[in-house]
Amino acid sequence: MKQKIKYTNEPIEARVIRDFLPPPEELVFKEDNVKVTMSLSRSSVEFFKHSARQRHTHYQKMIRSLLDTYAARFK
């Protein structure tokens, strides 16, 4: 960076924003989960496994999220 920075005495319009983030204990919530046994098609499981690998997550978590979203939509 060879060019010098030229500072001015213009007023800065800034304001303080109150902390709006929830405390950590409110961020970690545990839902009441129920274990189930299901038979899924091999192609569905492979799809979720492949997608999970690309996103560095667990395929079961993706399936659970999909089902939770679907159930919430039609409550």
N, C-alpha and C. Protein backbone atom coordinates (compact mmCIF):
# COMPACT_ATOMS: atom_id res chain seq x y z
N MET A 1 0.85 -1.17 0.00
CA MET A 1 0.00 0.00 0.00
C MET A 1 0.89 1.23 0.00
N LYS A 2 1.12 1.79 -1.17
CA LYS A 2 2.04 2.91 -1.27
C LYS A 2 1.33 4.25 -1.14
N GLN A 3 0.03 4.27 -1.38
CA GLN A 3 -0.70 5.52 -1.30
C GLN A 3 -0.99 5.87 0.16
N LYS A 4 -0.78 7.10 0.54
CA LYS A 4 -1.04 7.52 1.90
C LYS A 4 -2.53 7.74 2.10
N ILE A 5 -2.98 7.43 3.31
CA ILE A 5 -4.38 7.64 3.66
C ILE A 5 -4.56 9.10 4.06
N LYS A 6 -5.59 9.72 3.51
CA LYS A 6 -5.85 11.12 3.82
C LYS A 6 -7.05 11.17 4.77
N TYR A 7 -6.81 11.61 6.01
CA TYR A 7 -7.86 11.69 7.01
C TYR A 7 -8.51 13.06 6.97
N THR A 8 -9.80 13.10 7.29
CA THR A 8 -10.53 14.37 7.37
C THR A 8 -11.14 14.48 8.76
N ASN A 9 -11.61 15.64 9.11
CA ASN A 9 -12.24 15.86 10.41
C ASN A 9 -13.76 15.84 10.31
N GLU A 10 -14.28 15.04 9.42
CA GLU A 10 -15.73 14.95 9.29
C GLU A 10 -16.31 14.22 10.49
N PRO A 11 -17.50 14.63 10.93
CA PRO A 11 -18.12 13.95 12.08
C PRO A 11 -18.54 12.52 11.69
N ILE A 12 -18.42 11.63 12.64
CA ILE A 12 -18.81 10.25 12.42
C ILE A 12 -20.20 10.06 13.00
N GLU A 13 -21.11 9.56 12.19
CA GLU A 13 -22.45 9.29 12.67
C GLU A 13 -22.52 7.83 13.12
N ALA A 14 -22.35 7.63 14.41
CA ALA A 14 -22.36 6.28 14.98
C ALA A 14 -23.30 6.27 16.18
N ARG A 15 -23.83 5.10 16.46
CA ARG A 15 -24.67 4.96 17.64
C ARG A 15 -24.41 3.61 18.28
N VAL A 16 -24.63 3.55 19.57
CA VAL A 16 -24.42 2.32 20.31
C VAL A 16 -25.69 1.48 20.21
N ILE A 17 -25.51 0.22 19.86
CA ILE A 17 -26.64 -0.69 19.77
C ILE A 17 -26.63 -1.57 21.01
N ARG A 18 -27.77 -1.60 21.70
CA ARG A 18 -27.90 -2.41 22.91
C ARG A 18 -27.71 -3.87 22.55
N ASP A 19 -27.10 -4.63 23.44
CA ASP A 19 -26.86 -6.05 23.22
C ASP A 19 -28.21 -6.76 23.08
N PHE A 20 -28.46 -7.33 21.93
CA PHE A 20 -29.74 -7.97 21.65
C PHE A 20 -29.63 -9.49 21.59
N LEU A 21 -28.44 -10.02 21.76
CA LEU A 21 -28.25 -11.46 21.67
C LEU A 21 -28.72 -12.13 22.96
N PRO A 22 -29.36 -13.28 22.83
CA PRO A 22 -29.80 -13.99 24.04
C PRO A 22 -28.60 -14.59 24.77
N PRO A 23 -28.75 -14.83 26.08
CA PRO A 23 -27.64 -15.46 26.80
C PRO A 23 -27.41 -16.88 26.31
N PRO A 24 -26.22 -17.43 26.51
CA PRO A 24 -25.91 -18.76 25.99
C PRO A 24 -26.88 -19.85 26.43
N GLU A 25 -27.38 -19.77 27.66
CA GLU A 25 -28.29 -20.83 28.11
C GLU A 25 -29.60 -20.85 27.34
N GLU A 26 -29.95 -19.74 26.72
CA GLU A 26 -31.16 -19.71 25.89
C GLU A 26 -30.88 -20.20 24.47
N LEU A 27 -29.62 -20.25 24.07
CA LEU A 27 -29.28 -20.72 22.74
C LEU A 27 -29.27 -22.24 22.65
N VAL A 28 -28.97 -22.89 23.75
CA VAL A 28 -28.89 -24.35 23.77
C VAL A 28 -30.18 -24.89 24.36
N PHE A 29 -31.03 -25.40 23.52
CA PHE A 29 -32.27 -25.98 24.01
C PHE A 29 -32.34 -27.43 23.55
N LYS A 30 -32.90 -28.23 24.39
CA LYS A 30 -32.99 -29.65 24.09
C LYS A 30 -34.45 -29.98 23.86
N GLU A 31 -34.73 -30.50 22.70
CA GLU A 31 -36.10 -30.93 22.42
C GLU A 31 -36.30 -32.33 22.93
N ASP A 32 -37.54 -32.64 23.17
CA ASP A 32 -37.90 -33.98 23.60
C ASP A 32 -37.90 -34.88 22.37
N ASN A 33 -36.87 -35.71 22.23
CA ASN A 33 -36.74 -36.58 21.08
C ASN A 33 -37.28 -37.97 21.39
N VAL A 34 -37.77 -38.63 20.36
CA VAL A 34 -38.27 -39.99 20.47
C VAL A 34 -37.53 -40.82 19.44
N LYS A 35 -36.96 -41.93 19.86
CA LYS A 35 -36.26 -42.81 18.92
C LYS A 35 -37.28 -43.63 18.15
N VAL A 36 -37.08 -43.73 16.83
CA VAL A 36 -37.93 -44.54 15.98
C VAL A 36 -37.04 -45.37 15.06
N THR A 37 -37.61 -46.44 14.56
CA THR A 37 -36.91 -47.26 13.59
C THR A 37 -37.70 -47.18 12.29
N MET A 38 -37.02 -46.83 11.21
CA MET A 38 -37.68 -46.68 9.91
C MET A 38 -36.88 -47.41 8.85
N SER A 39 -37.55 -47.83 7.83
CA SER A 39 -36.88 -48.35 6.64
C SER A 39 -37.01 -47.31 5.55
N LEU A 40 -35.88 -46.86 5.05
CA LEU A 40 -35.86 -45.86 3.99
C LEU A 40 -35.24 -46.48 2.74
N SER A 41 -35.56 -45.91 1.61
CA SER A 41 -34.97 -46.44 0.38
C SER A 41 -33.47 -46.15 0.37
N ARG A 42 -32.72 -47.04 -0.22
CA ARG A 42 -31.27 -46.89 -0.30
C ARG A 42 -30.91 -45.58 -1.00
N SER A 43 -31.65 -45.24 -2.03
CA SER A 43 -31.33 -44.01 -2.78
C SER A 43 -31.54 -42.76 -1.91
N SER A 44 -32.56 -42.76 -1.05
CA SER A 44 -32.77 -41.62 -0.15
C SER A 44 -31.65 -41.49 0.85
N VAL A 45 -31.25 -42.61 1.44
CA VAL A 45 -30.18 -42.58 2.43
C VAL A 45 -28.87 -42.14 1.78
N GLU A 46 -28.59 -42.65 0.60
CA GLU A 46 -27.36 -42.24 -0.10
C GLU A 46 -27.39 -40.76 -0.43
N PHE A 47 -28.56 -40.25 -0.82
CA PHE A 47 -28.69 -38.82 -1.10
C PHE A 47 -28.34 -38.00 0.13
N PHE A 48 -28.92 -38.36 1.27
CA PHE A 48 -28.66 -37.60 2.50
C PHE A 48 -27.22 -37.76 2.96
N LYS A 49 -26.65 -38.94 2.83
CA LYS A 49 -25.25 -39.14 3.22
C LYS A 49 -24.33 -38.28 2.36
N HIS A 50 -24.59 -38.27 1.06
CA HIS A 50 -23.77 -37.47 0.14
C HIS A 50 -23.91 -35.97 0.46
N SER A 51 -25.14 -35.53 0.65
CA SER A 51 -25.38 -34.11 0.97
C SER A 51 -24.74 -33.73 2.30
N ALA A 52 -24.82 -34.63 3.27
CA ALA A 52 -24.24 -34.35 4.59
C ALA A 52 -22.72 -34.24 4.51
N ARG A 53 -22.09 -35.12 3.73
CA ARG A 53 -20.63 -35.05 3.57
C ARG A 53 -20.21 -33.71 2.97
N GLN A 54 -20.97 -33.24 1.99
CA GLN A 54 -20.64 -31.96 1.35
C GLN A 54 -20.76 -30.80 2.33
N ARG A 55 -21.69 -30.91 3.27
CA ARG A 55 -21.96 -29.83 4.20
C ARG A 55 -21.31 -30.05 5.57
N HIS A 56 -20.53 -31.10 5.69
CA HIS A 56 -19.81 -31.42 6.93
C HIS A 56 -20.77 -31.52 8.12
N THR A 57 -21.82 -32.30 7.94
CA THR A 57 -22.79 -32.52 9.01
C THR A 57 -23.20 -33.98 9.01
N HIS A 58 -24.17 -34.33 9.81
CA HIS A 58 -24.64 -35.71 9.92
C HIS A 58 -25.91 -35.89 9.11
N TYR A 59 -26.01 -36.99 8.39
CA TYR A 59 -27.18 -37.21 7.53
C TYR A 59 -28.45 -37.39 8.36
N GLN A 60 -28.34 -38.00 9.53
CA GLN A 60 -29.53 -38.18 10.36
C GLN A 60 -30.08 -36.84 10.84
N LYS A 61 -29.17 -35.91 11.12
CA LYS A 61 -29.60 -34.57 11.53
C LYS A 61 -30.34 -33.88 10.39
N MET A 62 -29.87 -34.08 9.17
CA MET A 62 -30.55 -33.48 8.01
C MET A 62 -31.96 -34.05 7.83
N ILE A 63 -32.08 -35.37 7.99
CA ILE A 63 -33.40 -36.00 7.85
C ILE A 63 -34.32 -35.49 8.96
N ARG A 64 -33.81 -35.42 10.19
CA ARG A 64 -34.62 -34.92 11.31
C ARG A 64 -35.07 -33.49 11.06
N SER A 65 -34.18 -32.65 10.56
CA SER A 65 -34.52 -31.26 10.27
C SER A 65 -35.60 -31.17 9.18
N LEU A 66 -35.47 -32.00 8.17
CA LEU A 66 -36.47 -32.04 7.10
C LEU A 66 -37.84 -32.41 7.65
N LEU A 67 -37.89 -33.43 8.48
CA LEU A 67 -39.16 -33.86 9.06
C LEU A 67 -39.73 -32.80 10.00
N ASP A 68 -38.87 -32.16 10.80
CA ASP A 68 -39.33 -31.10 11.71
C ASP A 68 -39.92 -29.93 10.93
N THR A 69 -39.25 -29.55 9.84
CA THR A 69 -39.74 -28.44 9.01
C THR A 69 -41.09 -28.80 8.38
N TYR A 70 -41.20 -30.00 7.89
CA TYR A 70 -42.45 -30.45 7.27
C TYR A 70 -43.57 -30.46 8.31
N ALA A 71 -43.30 -31.01 9.48
CA ALA A 71 -44.32 -31.08 10.52
C ALA A 71 -44.75 -29.69 10.99
N ALA A 72 -43.81 -28.77 11.13
CA ALA A 72 -44.13 -27.41 11.55
C ALA A 72 -44.99 -26.70 10.50
N ARG A 73 -44.74 -26.99 9.25
CA ARG A 73 -45.48 -26.34 8.16
C ARG A 73 -46.95 -26.73 8.17
N PHE A 74 -47.25 -27.96 8.56
CA PHE A 74 -48.62 -28.46 8.47
C PHE A 74 -49.28 -28.65 9.82
N LYS A 75 -48.77 -28.00 10.87
CA LYS A 75 -49.41 -28.08 12.19
C LYS A 75 -50.74 -27.42 12.18
